[in-house]
Amino acid sequence: LWPATVTSATSSSNYFWRKKVWITMPTIVLASQSTSRRRLLESAGLSPKIIVSNVDEETEFFNAMHPADMVIALAITKAHTVREQINFPAIIIGCDSTFEFDGVSLGKPGTPAIATERAKRVRGNSGLLHTGHCIIDTVKDVEISDRVTTRVTFDHMSDEEIADYVATEEPLHVAGGFTLDGFSSPFIPSIEGDYTNVVGISMPFVRKAFAQLGYTWPQAKVMK
């Protein structure tokens, strides 16, 4: 609940009166099973409810898109899929990330062999980490979608370092096969752009989106 001031007028005069009422705030729903995204939201003071969309990301429709377009399409699909599953006032946050290298989308490797091959490709080079965001306010029936991109630069990694990193199994299930807040952090000397975007969700974008929807950040922090 959040206090608000309401101004009203009678039909017969210009007399206005003001009173405080309590507005029921929507629930923040994260349409993702990503622990990194959840951790970022919670560390910023938000309390998201997790509802996984279970959208199939590996379809011909999505794979045919340019990486920068694909992440927005998937974020929108995830958010709308979850919207169809709930019946309570909510602000739904859908996200999708991929790493673009030489114009090609490098998603989750899935296997040690693919993770190893990709690490050898990107070592000593730079690429673009795209995260698509879709935020839906079901109360106001308003949707905000956009992409945030961060350039990520890798140090040269020896074959031994790559093998050691892949053995942790961390890269198998993350976009691009690397994490900025995990075992691969020693191999990433610099980024250009938003750090939280690389982790999985751009927190500055989330704050601006909430503002566009008419919510202050203190209001967002009391949404349960």
Protein backbone atom coordinates (compact mmCIF):
# COMPACT_ATOMS: atom_id res chain seq x y z
CA LEU A 1 0.00 0.00 0.00
CA TRP A 2 1.10 3.54 -0.72
CA PRO A 3 -0.47 6.81 0.50
CA ALA A 4 -1.73 9.20 -2.17
CA THR A 5 -3.63 12.46 -2.15
CA VAL A 6 -6.86 12.64 -4.13
CA THR A 7 -8.46 15.92 -5.24
CA SER A 8 -12.20 16.03 -6.04
CA ALA A 9 -14.79 18.64 -6.96
CA THR A 10 -18.58 18.85 -6.45
CA SER A 11 -20.87 19.13 -9.48
CA SER A 12 -22.39 22.41 -8.30
CA SER A 13 -19.36 24.50 -7.46
CA ASN A 14 -15.64 24.88 -7.81
CA TYR A 15 -15.10 23.62 -4.30
CA PHE A 16 -12.23 21.16 -4.11
CA TRP A 17 -11.44 18.84 -1.23
CA ARG A 18 -8.41 16.71 -0.58
CA LYS A 19 -8.00 13.50 1.34
CA LYS A 20 -5.40 10.82 1.72
CA VAL A 21 -6.20 7.33 0.45
CA TRP A 22 -4.20 4.11 0.31
CA ILE A 23 -3.45 2.76 -3.14
CA THR A 24 -2.75 -0.97 -3.58
CA MET A 25 0.59 -1.28 -5.33
CA PRO A 26 1.14 -3.95 -8.00
CA THR A 27 3.41 -6.92 -7.43
CA ILE A 28 6.76 -6.99 -9.22
CA VAL A 29 7.02 -10.23 -11.19
CA LEU A 30 10.32 -11.38 -12.67
CA ALA A 31 9.63 -13.66 -15.64
CA SER A 32 12.98 -15.40 -15.30
CA GLN A 33 14.66 -18.18 -13.35
CA SER A 34 17.98 -16.31 -13.43
CA THR A 35 19.43 -16.05 -9.94
CA SER A 36 21.67 -13.18 -11.11
CA ARG A 37 18.69 -11.08 -12.21
CA ARG A 38 16.84 -11.82 -9.01
CA ARG A 39 19.89 -10.95 -6.94
CA LEU A 40 20.31 -7.61 -8.73
CA LEU A 41 16.68 -6.64 -8.13
CA GLU A 42 16.78 -7.68 -4.49
CA SER A 43 20.10 -5.94 -3.83
CA ALA A 44 18.50 -2.71 -5.10
CA GLY A 45 15.67 -3.07 -2.59
CA LEU A 46 13.00 -4.66 -4.79
CA SER A 47 11.02 -7.80 -3.89
CA PRO A 48 10.20 -9.69 -7.08
CA LYS A 49 7.92 -12.68 -7.29
CA ILE A 50 9.45 -15.29 -9.61
CA ILE A 51 7.28 -16.81 -12.33
CA VAL A 52 9.28 -18.61 -15.01
CA SER A 53 7.92 -18.23 -18.54
CA ASN A 54 9.43 -21.48 -19.90
CA VAL A 55 9.56 -19.93 -23.38
CA ASP A 56 11.52 -22.01 -25.90
CA GLU A 57 14.40 -19.74 -26.88
CA GLU A 58 15.91 -22.08 -29.46
CA THR A 59 13.38 -21.82 -32.27
CA GLU A 60 13.98 -21.03 -35.93
CA PHE A 61 11.89 -17.88 -35.55
CA PHE A 62 14.14 -16.37 -32.89
CA ASN A 63 17.42 -17.79 -34.21
CA ALA A 64 16.84 -16.16 -37.59
CA MET A 65 16.89 -12.70 -36.03
CA HIS A 66 19.87 -10.42 -35.56
CA PRO A 67 21.11 -10.77 -31.95
CA ALA A 68 20.11 -7.21 -31.04
CA ASP A 69 16.54 -7.82 -32.24
CA MET A 70 16.28 -11.34 -30.87
CA VAL A 71 16.76 -10.32 -27.23
CA ILE A 72 13.90 -7.80 -27.42
CA ALA A 73 11.59 -10.31 -29.11
CA LEU A 74 12.34 -12.93 -26.47
CA ALA A 75 11.94 -10.47 -23.60
CA ILE A 76 8.52 -9.42 -24.95
CA THR A 77 7.47 -13.04 -25.46
CA LYS A 78 8.50 -14.01 -21.93
CA ALA A 79 6.71 -11.06 -20.32
CA HIS A 80 3.49 -11.65 -22.25
CA THR A 81 3.58 -15.39 -21.57
CA VAL A 82 3.67 -14.71 -17.84
CA ARG A 83 0.98 -12.04 -18.15
CA GLU A 84 -1.39 -14.69 -19.45
CA GLN A 85 -0.69 -16.84 -16.37
CA ILE A 86 -1.51 -14.33 -13.62
CA ASN A 87 -4.71 -12.69 -12.39
CA PHE A 88 -3.37 -10.07 -9.98
CA PRO A 89 -2.08 -6.49 -10.46
CA ALA A 90 1.55 -6.74 -11.48
CA ILE A 91 4.53 -5.14 -13.10
CA ILE A 92 6.10 -7.93 -15.12
CA ILE A 93 9.76 -7.82 -16.05
CA GLY A 94 10.89 -10.02 -18.92
CA CYS A 95 14.54 -10.19 -20.01
CA ASP A 96 16.79 -12.00 -22.42
CA SER A 97 20.54 -11.71 -22.96
CA THR A 98 22.97 -12.82 -25.63
CA PHE A 99 26.56 -12.11 -26.53
CA GLU A 100 27.14 -10.91 -30.08
CA PHE A 101 30.55 -11.73 -31.53
CA ASP A 102 31.36 -11.08 -35.19
CA GLY A 103 27.66 -10.54 -35.84
CA VAL A 104 26.69 -13.95 -34.46
CA SER A 105 24.65 -14.62 -31.32
CA LEU A 106 26.51 -16.69 -28.74
CA GLY A 107 23.86 -17.88 -26.31
CA LYS A 108 24.24 -20.51 -23.59
CA PRO A 109 26.88 -23.07 -24.67
CA GLY A 110 25.17 -26.02 -23.03
CA THR A 111 28.16 -28.37 -23.35
CA PRO A 112 31.84 -28.18 -22.28
CA ALA A 113 32.98 -28.60 -25.89
CA ILE A 114 31.00 -25.60 -27.11
CA ALA A 115 32.00 -23.52 -24.08
CA THR A 116 35.66 -24.29 -24.76
CA GLU A 117 35.39 -23.44 -28.46
CA ARG A 118 33.70 -20.13 -27.72
CA ALA A 119 36.21 -19.13 -25.05
CA LYS A 120 39.02 -19.70 -27.53
CA ARG A 121 37.19 -17.54 -30.09
CA VAL A 122 36.62 -14.55 -27.83
CA ARG A 123 39.91 -14.49 -25.92
CA GLY A 124 41.80 -11.29 -26.61
CA ASN A 125 38.76 -9.80 -28.36
CA SER A 126 35.64 -7.73 -27.66
CA GLY A 127 31.96 -8.34 -28.24
CA LEU A 128 28.56 -6.91 -27.41
CA LEU A 129 26.37 -8.12 -24.57
CA HIS A 130 22.74 -7.35 -25.45
CA THR A 131 19.93 -7.55 -22.92
CA GLY A 132 16.36 -7.07 -24.05
CA HIS A 133 13.86 -5.79 -21.49
CA CYS A 134 10.07 -5.79 -21.52
CA ILE A 135 8.19 -4.28 -18.59
CA ILE A 136 4.40 -4.56 -18.50
CA ASP A 137 2.16 -2.72 -16.05
CA THR A 138 -1.03 -4.81 -16.04
CA VAL A 139 -2.93 -2.16 -14.06
CA LYS A 140 -2.28 0.68 -16.51
CA ASP A 141 -2.02 -1.65 -19.52
CA VAL A 142 1.25 -0.01 -20.51
CA GLU A 143 4.32 -1.76 -21.89
CA ILE A 144 7.91 -0.52 -22.19
CA SER A 145 10.46 -2.48 -24.21
CA ASP A 146 14.05 -1.72 -25.16
CA ARG A 147 17.53 -3.11 -25.45
CA VAL A 148 20.66 -2.17 -23.50
CA THR A 149 24.09 -3.02 -24.93
CA THR A 150 27.47 -3.21 -23.21
CA ARG A 151 30.83 -3.85 -24.90
CA VAL A 152 32.85 -6.55 -23.12
CA THR A 153 36.60 -7.03 -23.64
CA PHE A 154 38.42 -10.27 -22.81
CA ASP A 155 42.06 -10.80 -21.91
CA HIS A 156 44.00 -13.53 -23.63
CA MET A 157 43.29 -16.82 -21.84
CA SER A 158 45.61 -19.79 -22.03
CA ASP A 159 44.22 -23.21 -22.95
CA GLU A 160 44.86 -24.26 -19.36
CA GLU A 161 42.86 -21.33 -17.99
CA ILE A 162 40.00 -22.06 -20.37
CA ALA A 163 39.92 -25.73 -19.41
CA ASP A 164 39.95 -24.80 -15.73
CA TYR A 165 37.11 -22.32 -16.22
CA VAL A 166 34.95 -24.70 -18.25
CA ALA A 167 35.46 -27.36 -15.56
CA THR A 168 33.53 -25.16 -13.12
CA GLU A 169 30.47 -25.65 -15.40
CA GLU A 170 29.61 -21.99 -14.87
CA PRO A 171 29.80 -21.04 -18.56
CA LEU A 172 27.47 -23.81 -19.72
CA HIS A 173 24.26 -22.06 -18.71
CA VAL A 174 24.93 -18.35 -19.21
CA ALA A 175 24.72 -16.14 -22.31
CA GLY A 176 28.03 -15.99 -24.12
CA GLY A 177 29.56 -18.56 -21.78
CA PHE A 178 30.87 -16.03 -19.27
CA THR A 179 29.80 -14.09 -16.19
CA LEU A 180 31.06 -10.75 -14.98
CA ASP A 181 30.33 -11.61 -11.35
CA GLY A 182 31.69 -15.15 -11.30
CA PHE A 183 34.65 -17.35 -12.21
CA SER A 184 35.34 -15.55 -15.48
CA SER A 185 35.71 -12.09 -13.91
CA PRO A 186 39.56 -12.28 -13.86
CA PHE A 187 39.53 -12.56 -17.66
CA ILE A 188 37.46 -9.41 -18.33
CA PRO A 189 39.68 -6.32 -17.93
CA SER A 190 37.14 -3.77 -19.13
CA ILE A 191 33.60 -3.07 -20.22
CA GLU A 192 32.02 -0.06 -21.90
CA GLY A 193 28.55 0.54 -20.56
CA ASP A 194 26.26 -0.76 -17.86
CA TYR A 195 27.73 -3.38 -15.51
CA THR A 196 24.34 -4.66 -14.33
CA ASN A 197 23.29 -5.16 -17.94
CA VAL A 198 26.08 -7.70 -18.37
CA VAL A 199 25.02 -9.49 -15.19
CA GLY A 200 21.53 -9.90 -16.63
CA ILE A 201 19.28 -6.86 -16.19
CA SER A 202 20.00 -3.15 -16.52
CA MET A 203 18.99 -1.62 -13.21
CA PRO A 204 19.20 1.98 -14.53
CA PHE A 205 16.80 0.96 -17.31
CA VAL A 206 14.44 -0.62 -14.78
CA ARG A 207 14.39 2.56 -12.68
CA LYS A 208 13.69 4.75 -15.72
CA ALA A 209 10.94 2.40 -16.89
CA PHE A 210 9.23 2.55 -13.50
CA ALA A 211 9.42 6.34 -13.67
CA GLN A 212 7.81 6.30 -17.12
CA LEU A 213 5.04 4.15 -15.67
CA GLY A 214 4.46 6.77 -12.98
CA TYR A 215 6.15 5.09 -10.01
CA THR A 216 8.94 6.58 -7.93
CA TRP A 217 11.80 4.33 -6.86
CA PRO A 218 10.67 4.45 -3.18
CA GLN A 219 7.23 3.26 -4.37
CA ALA A 220 8.83 0.43 -6.34
CA LYS A 221 10.65 -0.71 -3.22
CA VAL A 222 7.41 -1.25 -1.27
CA MET A 223 5.80 -3.37 -4.00
CA LYS A 224 5.41 -6.92 -2.74
